[in-house]
Amino acid sequence: EIIAVDKGYTEAFMDSDGDEHGAGLGKIMTEYSDKASKTGKARNKLHALEKKHREARHIAKADRIKNNNLGTKKVK
């Protein structure tokens, strides 16, 4: 009989008997979060560069950055 369930980060759930359910979930979540953060930082730098070129009236270069580097097809 399960009396309580604890939801956590390192494992998905732990019941009152001390059994882990979903062990290793924290590691997977951390890896994904780190990868998404790194990708987001790089995209933000490119977005700032695109904005800088657009303000300097280098429209063709800004369009190339936007079309080739700031798409969302591969973003997951």
Protein backbone atom coordinates (compact mmCIF):
# COMPACT_ATOMS: atom_id res chain seq x y z
CA GLU A 1 0.00 0.00 0.00
CA ILE A 2 1.43 3.35 -1.08
CA ILE A 3 0.84 6.09 1.44
CA ALA A 4 2.70 8.98 -0.21
CA VAL A 5 4.44 9.86 -3.45
CA ASP A 6 7.19 12.47 -3.76
CA LYS A 7 7.82 14.16 -7.11
CA GLY A 8 11.41 15.26 -7.66
CA TYR A 9 14.08 16.28 -10.13
CA THR A 10 16.62 13.46 -9.89
CA GLU A 11 13.94 10.81 -10.16
CA ALA A 12 10.41 11.24 -11.45
CA PHE A 13 8.68 9.82 -8.36
CA MET A 14 9.56 8.11 -5.09
CA ASP A 15 6.97 6.23 -3.09
CA SER A 16 6.74 5.86 0.68
CA ASP A 17 8.57 2.51 0.48
CA GLY A 18 11.64 4.28 -0.90
CA ASP A 19 11.29 2.84 -4.40
CA GLU A 20 12.40 5.17 -7.21
CA HIS A 21 10.30 5.43 -10.35
CA GLY A 22 11.94 7.11 -13.33
CA ALA A 23 15.49 7.11 -11.97
CA GLY A 24 17.91 9.11 -14.09
CA LEU A 25 15.32 11.60 -15.25
CA GLY A 26 17.27 14.51 -13.76
CA LYS A 27 20.35 13.67 -15.83
CA ILE A 28 18.31 13.60 -19.04
CA MET A 29 16.58 16.87 -18.16
CA THR A 30 19.90 18.56 -17.31
CA GLU A 31 21.51 17.47 -20.60
CA TYR A 32 18.53 18.76 -22.59
CA SER A 33 18.43 22.02 -20.65
CA ASP A 34 22.17 22.65 -21.17
CA LYS A 35 21.90 21.95 -24.89
CA ALA A 36 18.84 24.19 -25.28
CA SER A 37 20.58 26.98 -23.36
CA LYS A 38 23.69 26.79 -25.55
CA THR A 39 21.59 26.82 -28.72
CA GLY A 40 19.49 29.72 -27.46
CA LYS A 41 22.55 31.81 -26.62
CA ALA A 42 23.97 31.28 -30.11
CA ARG A 43 20.62 32.17 -31.72
CA ASN A 44 20.37 35.34 -29.62
CA LYS A 45 23.83 36.44 -30.78
CA LEU A 46 22.83 35.90 -34.41
CA HIS A 47 19.56 37.73 -33.86
CA ALA A 48 21.45 40.73 -32.42
CA LEU A 49 23.85 40.66 -35.38
CA GLU A 50 20.92 40.53 -37.82
CA LYS A 51 19.30 43.47 -36.06
CA LYS A 52 22.57 45.45 -36.13
CA HIS A 53 22.97 44.92 -39.90
CA ARG A 54 19.33 45.83 -40.54
CA GLU A 55 19.71 49.11 -38.59
CA ALA A 56 22.92 49.89 -40.54
CA ARG A 57 20.90 49.47 -43.77
CA HIS A 58 22.72 46.27 -44.78
CA ILE A 59 19.39 44.70 -45.61
CA ALA A 60 20.70 41.91 -47.87
CA LYS A 61 23.14 40.68 -45.22
CA ALA A 62 20.45 40.88 -42.52
CA ASP A 63 18.06 38.90 -44.73
CA ARG A 64 20.70 36.21 -45.33
CA ILE A 65 21.36 35.85 -41.60
CA LYS A 66 17.64 35.61 -40.90
CA ASN A 67 16.88 33.14 -43.69
CA ASN A 68 19.90 30.87 -43.22
CA ASN A 69 20.53 30.97 -39.48
CA LEU A 70 17.38 31.93 -37.64
CA GLY A 71 14.86 29.42 -38.95
CA THR A 72 12.82 27.22 -36.63
CA LYS A 73 12.74 23.91 -38.53
CA LYS A 74 15.57 22.38 -36.48
CA VAL A 75 14.75 24.02 -33.15
CA LYS A 76 13.34 21.45 -30.74
